[in-house]
Amino acid sequence: MKKTLFAVFALSLVAFDAHAISRHDIAGMSCSHVQGIVRAEGAAILRYPSPRNPSLTLYDRFVAHGGYCQIDEEAVAFFVPTADTASCAVLKCQPRIFQPFGDD
């Protein structure tokens, strides 16, 4: 029993590296570059100018696939402005909409 408690205590002292999510200002990037960043990192925070008011900066978390979303979320297409296009397709986690009786 003492050995088990000691082992649990020793393991609790081990520090693990935290993987912080990276942030990218995408205003000057191409669409393929932005998509490549998200694909390579799995998830990233992208900052971009608001389409309606370019003086405002918007940001959100974008993912490579649904595996980076919470269990009650799904990855849906979202479009951000980049240097070469006004609507670059990336994936964003959104709450899953529960429909118990189908799409009727």
N, C-alpha and C. Protein backbone atom coordinates (compact mmCIF):
# COMPACT_ATOMS: atom_id res chain seq x y z
N MET A 1 0.82 -1.19 0.00
CA MET A 1 0.00 0.00 0.00
C MET A 1 0.87 1.26 0.00
N LYS A 2 1.93 1.25 0.82
CA LYS A 2 2.81 2.42 0.88
C LYS A 2 3.53 2.62 -0.45
N LYS A 3 3.92 1.52 -1.10
CA LYS A 3 4.61 1.63 -2.39
C LYS A 3 3.67 2.22 -3.44
N THR A 4 2.42 1.84 -3.39
CA THR A 4 1.44 2.36 -4.35
C THR A 4 1.23 3.86 -4.14
N LEU A 5 1.08 4.26 -2.89
CA LEU A 5 0.91 5.68 -2.59
C LEU A 5 2.14 6.48 -2.99
N PHE A 6 3.31 5.93 -2.74
CA PHE A 6 4.54 6.60 -3.12
C PHE A 6 4.64 6.75 -4.64
N ALA A 7 4.26 5.70 -5.36
CA ALA A 7 4.31 5.74 -6.83
C ALA A 7 3.34 6.79 -7.37
N VAL A 8 2.15 6.85 -6.80
CA VAL A 8 1.16 7.85 -7.24
C VAL A 8 1.67 9.25 -6.93
N PHE A 9 2.24 9.44 -5.76
CA PHE A 9 2.79 10.74 -5.38
C PHE A 9 3.94 11.13 -6.30
N ALA A 10 4.82 10.20 -6.59
CA ALA A 10 5.97 10.48 -7.46
C ALA A 10 5.50 10.85 -8.87
N LEU A 11 4.52 10.15 -9.38
CA LEU A 11 4.00 10.46 -10.72
C LEU A 11 3.31 11.81 -10.76
N SER A 12 2.71 12.22 -9.66
CA SER A 12 2.02 13.51 -9.64
C SER A 12 3.01 14.67 -9.66
N LEU A 13 4.25 14.42 -9.31
CA LEU A 13 5.26 15.47 -9.31
C LEU A 13 5.92 15.68 -10.68
N VAL A 14 5.71 14.75 -11.58
CA VAL A 14 6.32 14.85 -12.90
C VAL A 14 5.63 15.96 -13.68
N ALA A 15 6.42 16.87 -14.19
CA ALA A 15 5.87 17.98 -14.97
C ALA A 15 5.86 17.61 -16.45
N PHE A 16 4.77 17.93 -17.10
CA PHE A 16 4.65 17.69 -18.52
C PHE A 16 4.65 19.02 -19.26
N ASP A 17 5.20 19.02 -20.46
CA ASP A 17 5.18 20.23 -21.27
C ASP A 17 3.76 20.51 -21.73
N ALA A 18 3.36 21.76 -21.61
CA ALA A 18 2.04 22.16 -22.12
C ALA A 18 2.21 22.62 -23.56
N HIS A 19 1.33 22.15 -24.40
CA HIS A 19 1.39 22.54 -25.80
C HIS A 19 0.42 23.70 -26.00
N ALA A 20 0.96 24.90 -26.06
CA ALA A 20 0.12 26.08 -26.25
C ALA A 20 -0.30 26.20 -27.70
N ILE A 21 -1.49 26.65 -27.91
CA ILE A 21 -1.99 26.84 -29.27
C ILE A 21 -1.37 28.11 -29.85
N SER A 22 -0.96 28.05 -31.10
CA SER A 22 -0.31 29.21 -31.70
C SER A 22 -1.34 30.16 -32.30
N ARG A 23 -0.95 31.42 -32.40
CA ARG A 23 -1.80 32.47 -32.95
C ARG A 23 -1.14 33.03 -34.19
N HIS A 24 -1.96 33.26 -35.22
CA HIS A 24 -1.42 33.75 -36.49
C HIS A 24 -2.26 34.91 -36.99
N ASP A 25 -1.59 35.99 -37.40
CA ASP A 25 -2.26 37.11 -38.07
C ASP A 25 -2.24 36.79 -39.55
N ILE A 26 -3.40 36.51 -40.14
CA ILE A 26 -3.44 35.97 -41.50
C ILE A 26 -3.70 37.02 -42.57
N ALA A 27 -3.73 38.30 -42.22
CA ALA A 27 -4.06 39.34 -43.19
C ALA A 27 -3.15 39.32 -44.41
N GLY A 28 -1.89 39.03 -44.26
CA GLY A 28 -0.96 39.03 -45.38
C GLY A 28 -0.65 37.66 -45.95
N MET A 29 -1.36 36.63 -45.50
CA MET A 29 -1.08 35.25 -45.94
C MET A 29 -2.02 34.82 -47.06
N SER A 30 -1.55 33.87 -47.87
CA SER A 30 -2.41 33.28 -48.90
C SER A 30 -3.32 32.24 -48.26
N CYS A 31 -4.38 31.90 -48.97
CA CYS A 31 -5.33 30.90 -48.47
C CYS A 31 -4.64 29.55 -48.26
N SER A 32 -3.82 29.13 -49.21
CA SER A 32 -3.15 27.83 -49.08
C SER A 32 -2.19 27.82 -47.90
N HIS A 33 -1.56 28.96 -47.60
CA HIS A 33 -0.66 29.04 -46.46
C HIS A 33 -1.45 28.90 -45.15
N VAL A 34 -2.58 29.58 -45.06
CA VAL A 34 -3.42 29.50 -43.86
C VAL A 34 -3.92 28.07 -43.66
N GLN A 35 -4.41 27.44 -44.73
CA GLN A 35 -4.88 26.06 -44.63
C GLN A 35 -3.75 25.12 -44.25
N GLY A 36 -2.54 25.38 -44.75
CA GLY A 36 -1.38 24.56 -44.40
C GLY A 36 -1.02 24.68 -42.93
N ILE A 37 -1.11 25.89 -42.38
CA ILE A 37 -0.83 26.10 -40.95
C ILE A 37 -1.80 25.29 -40.10
N VAL A 38 -3.08 25.41 -40.41
CA VAL A 38 -4.10 24.69 -39.62
C VAL A 38 -3.90 23.18 -39.75
N ARG A 39 -3.62 22.72 -40.96
CA ARG A 39 -3.41 21.28 -41.19
C ARG A 39 -2.18 20.79 -40.42
N ALA A 40 -1.08 21.55 -40.45
CA ALA A 40 0.16 21.13 -39.80
C ALA A 40 0.06 21.15 -38.28
N GLU A 41 -0.62 22.16 -37.73
CA GLU A 41 -0.68 22.31 -36.28
C GLU A 41 -1.89 21.62 -35.65
N GLY A 42 -2.87 21.25 -36.47
CA GLY A 42 -4.07 20.61 -35.94
C GLY A 42 -5.11 21.61 -35.49
N ALA A 43 -4.69 22.62 -34.77
CA ALA A 43 -5.58 23.69 -34.31
C ALA A 43 -4.76 24.96 -34.15
N ALA A 44 -5.33 26.08 -34.53
CA ALA A 44 -4.63 27.36 -34.43
C ALA A 44 -5.65 28.48 -34.27
N ILE A 45 -5.23 29.54 -33.61
CA ILE A 45 -6.06 30.74 -33.51
C ILE A 45 -5.65 31.66 -34.64
N LEU A 46 -6.63 32.04 -35.45
CA LEU A 46 -6.37 32.91 -36.59
C LEU A 46 -6.98 34.28 -36.32
N ARG A 47 -6.17 35.33 -36.56
CA ARG A 47 -6.65 36.71 -36.43
C ARG A 47 -6.79 37.28 -37.83
N TYR A 48 -7.91 37.96 -38.07
CA TYR A 48 -8.17 38.49 -39.41
C TYR A 48 -9.06 39.72 -39.29
N PRO A 49 -9.01 40.62 -40.29
CA PRO A 49 -9.85 41.82 -40.24
C PRO A 49 -11.31 41.47 -40.51
N SER A 50 -12.20 42.16 -39.84
CA SER A 50 -13.63 41.95 -40.03
C SER A 50 -14.02 42.33 -41.46
N PRO A 51 -14.80 41.49 -42.15
CA PRO A 51 -15.24 41.84 -43.50
C PRO A 51 -16.12 43.09 -43.54
N ARG A 52 -16.90 43.32 -42.49
CA ARG A 52 -17.79 44.49 -42.46
C ARG A 52 -17.11 45.76 -41.99
N ASN A 53 -16.14 45.63 -41.10
CA ASN A 53 -15.43 46.79 -40.57
C ASN A 53 -13.95 46.42 -40.45
N PRO A 54 -13.15 46.70 -41.49
CA PRO A 54 -11.74 46.28 -41.51
C PRO A 54 -10.89 46.83 -40.37
N SER A 55 -11.38 47.85 -39.65
CA SER A 55 -10.59 48.37 -38.53
C SER A 55 -10.71 47.46 -37.30
N LEU A 56 -11.66 46.53 -37.31
CA LEU A 56 -11.81 45.58 -36.21
C LEU A 56 -11.10 44.27 -36.54
N THR A 57 -10.43 43.71 -35.56
CA THR A 57 -9.77 42.42 -35.73
C THR A 57 -10.60 41.33 -35.06
N LEU A 58 -10.90 40.29 -35.82
CA LEU A 58 -11.62 39.14 -35.29
C LEU A 58 -10.64 37.99 -35.10
N TYR A 59 -10.96 37.08 -34.22
CA TYR A 59 -10.12 35.90 -34.03
C TYR A 59 -10.98 34.74 -33.57
N ASP A 60 -10.53 33.54 -33.90
CA ASP A 60 -11.22 32.34 -33.46
C ASP A 60 -10.29 31.15 -33.61
N ARG A 61 -10.70 30.03 -33.07
CA ARG A 61 -9.92 28.79 -33.14
C ARG A 61 -10.40 27.96 -34.32
N PHE A 62 -9.47 27.56 -35.17
CA PHE A 62 -9.78 26.76 -36.34
C PHE A 62 -9.03 25.44 -36.26
N VAL A 63 -9.61 24.38 -36.83
CA VAL A 63 -9.08 23.03 -36.66
C VAL A 63 -8.89 22.33 -38.00
N ALA A 64 -8.04 21.30 -37.98
CA ALA A 64 -7.77 20.51 -39.18
C ALA A 64 -8.89 19.52 -39.46
N HIS A 65 -9.51 18.98 -38.41
CA HIS A 65 -10.62 18.04 -38.57
C HIS A 65 -11.40 17.97 -37.25
N GLY A 66 -12.51 17.26 -37.27
CA GLY A 66 -13.39 17.19 -36.11
C GLY A 66 -12.79 16.56 -34.87
N GLY A 67 -11.69 15.85 -35.01
CA GLY A 67 -11.03 15.25 -33.86
C GLY A 67 -10.47 16.27 -32.89
N TYR A 68 -10.34 17.52 -33.31
CA TYR A 68 -9.84 18.58 -32.44
C TYR A 68 -10.98 19.33 -31.74
N CYS A 69 -12.22 18.93 -31.98
CA CYS A 69 -13.38 19.55 -31.35
C CYS A 69 -13.75 18.80 -30.08
N GLN A 70 -14.52 19.46 -29.22
CA GLN A 70 -15.05 18.82 -28.02
C GLN A 70 -16.06 17.76 -28.43
N ILE A 71 -16.42 16.89 -27.49
CA ILE A 71 -17.32 15.78 -27.80
C ILE A 71 -18.69 16.24 -28.27
N ASP A 72 -19.14 17.41 -27.80
CA ASP A 72 -20.46 17.92 -28.18
C ASP A 72 -20.38 18.94 -29.32
N GLU A 73 -19.27 18.96 -30.03
CA GLU A 73 -19.08 19.88 -31.15
C GLU A 73 -18.77 19.10 -32.42
N GLU A 74 -18.90 19.80 -33.55
CA GLU A 74 -18.53 19.24 -34.84
C GLU A 74 -17.79 20.30 -35.63
N ALA A 75 -16.96 19.87 -36.56
CA ALA A 75 -16.21 20.80 -37.41
C ALA A 75 -17.08 21.20 -38.59
N VAL A 76 -17.26 22.50 -38.77
CA VAL A 76 -18.06 23.02 -39.87
C VAL A 76 -17.21 24.01 -40.68
N ALA A 77 -17.55 24.14 -41.95
CA ALA A 77 -16.82 25.06 -42.82
C ALA A 77 -17.07 26.50 -42.40
N PHE A 78 -16.00 27.28 -42.43
CA PHE A 78 -16.06 28.71 -42.11
C PHE A 78 -15.13 29.40 -43.08
N PHE A 79 -15.42 30.63 -43.44
CA PHE A 79 -14.62 31.33 -44.45
C PHE A 79 -14.00 32.58 -43.86
N VAL A 80 -12.68 32.69 -44.02
CA VAL A 80 -11.93 33.85 -43.52
C VAL A 80 -11.28 34.57 -44.70
N PRO A 81 -11.11 35.90 -44.59
CA PRO A 81 -10.44 36.63 -45.66
C PRO A 81 -8.92 36.48 -45.56
N THR A 82 -8.28 36.25 -46.70
CA THR A 82 -6.82 36.17 -46.76
C THR A 82 -6.33 37.16 -47.82
N ALA A 83 -5.03 37.21 -48.04
CA ALA A 83 -4.47 38.17 -48.99
C ALA A 83 -4.93 37.90 -50.42
N ASP A 84 -5.17 36.64 -50.77
CA ASP A 84 -5.51 36.31 -52.16
C ASP A 84 -6.98 36.01 -52.40
N THR A 85 -7.79 35.89 -51.35
CA THR A 85 -9.23 35.64 -51.53
C THR A 85 -10.02 36.17 -50.34
N ALA A 86 -11.25 36.55 -50.60
CA ALA A 86 -12.10 37.06 -49.52
C ALA A 86 -12.76 35.94 -48.73
N SER A 87 -12.68 34.70 -49.23
CA SER A 87 -13.35 33.60 -48.54
C SER A 87 -12.53 32.31 -48.63
N CYS A 88 -11.60 32.17 -47.71
CA CYS A 88 -10.75 30.99 -47.62
C CYS A 88 -11.42 29.99 -46.67
N ALA A 89 -11.65 28.77 -47.15
CA ALA A 89 -12.36 27.76 -46.36
C ALA A 89 -11.45 27.11 -45.33
N VAL A 90 -11.87 27.15 -44.08
CA VAL A 90 -11.21 26.46 -42.97
C VAL A 90 -12.31 25.84 -42.10
N LEU A 91 -11.94 25.00 -41.15
CA LEU A 91 -12.92 24.36 -40.28
C LEU A 91 -12.91 24.99 -38.90
N LYS A 92 -14.09 25.11 -38.32
CA LYS A 92 -14.27 25.71 -37.00
C LYS A 92 -15.20 24.82 -36.19
N CYS A 93 -14.93 24.65 -34.92
CA CYS A 93 -15.79 23.83 -34.06
C CYS A 93 -17.04 24.62 -33.67
N GLN A 94 -18.18 23.98 -33.85
CA GLN A 94 -19.47 24.57 -33.48
C GLN A 94 -20.25 23.54 -32.66
N PRO A 95 -21.12 24.00 -31.76
CA PRO A 95 -21.93 23.04 -31.00
C PRO A 95 -22.76 22.17 -31.94
N ARG A 96 -22.82 20.90 -31.62
CA ARG A 96 -23.60 19.95 -32.41
C ARG A 96 -25.09 20.19 -32.13
N ILE A 97 -25.88 20.27 -33.17
CA ILE A 97 -27.31 20.49 -33.02
C ILE A 97 -27.99 19.13 -32.94
N PHE A 98 -28.66 18.91 -31.83
CA PHE A 98 -29.33 17.63 -31.60
C PHE A 98 -30.69 17.63 -32.29
N GLN A 99 -30.91 16.68 -33.19
CA GLN A 99 -32.18 16.53 -33.88
C GLN A 99 -32.68 15.10 -33.66
N PRO A 100 -33.48 14.89 -32.62
CA PRO A 100 -33.89 13.52 -32.28
C PRO A 100 -34.77 12.84 -33.31
N PHE A 101 -35.46 13.61 -34.15
CA PHE A 101 -36.38 13.01 -35.11
C PHE A 101 -35.97 13.26 -36.55
N GLY A 102 -34.70 13.49 -36.79
CA GLY A 102 -34.21 13.69 -38.15
C GLY A 102 -34.31 15.14 -38.59
N ASP A 103 -34.23 15.36 -39.89
CA ASP A 103 -34.19 16.71 -40.45
C ASP A 103 -35.57 17.24 -40.83
N ASP A 104 -36.63 16.55 -40.50
CA ASP A 104 -37.98 16.96 -40.92
C ASP A 104 -38.34 18.33 -40.40
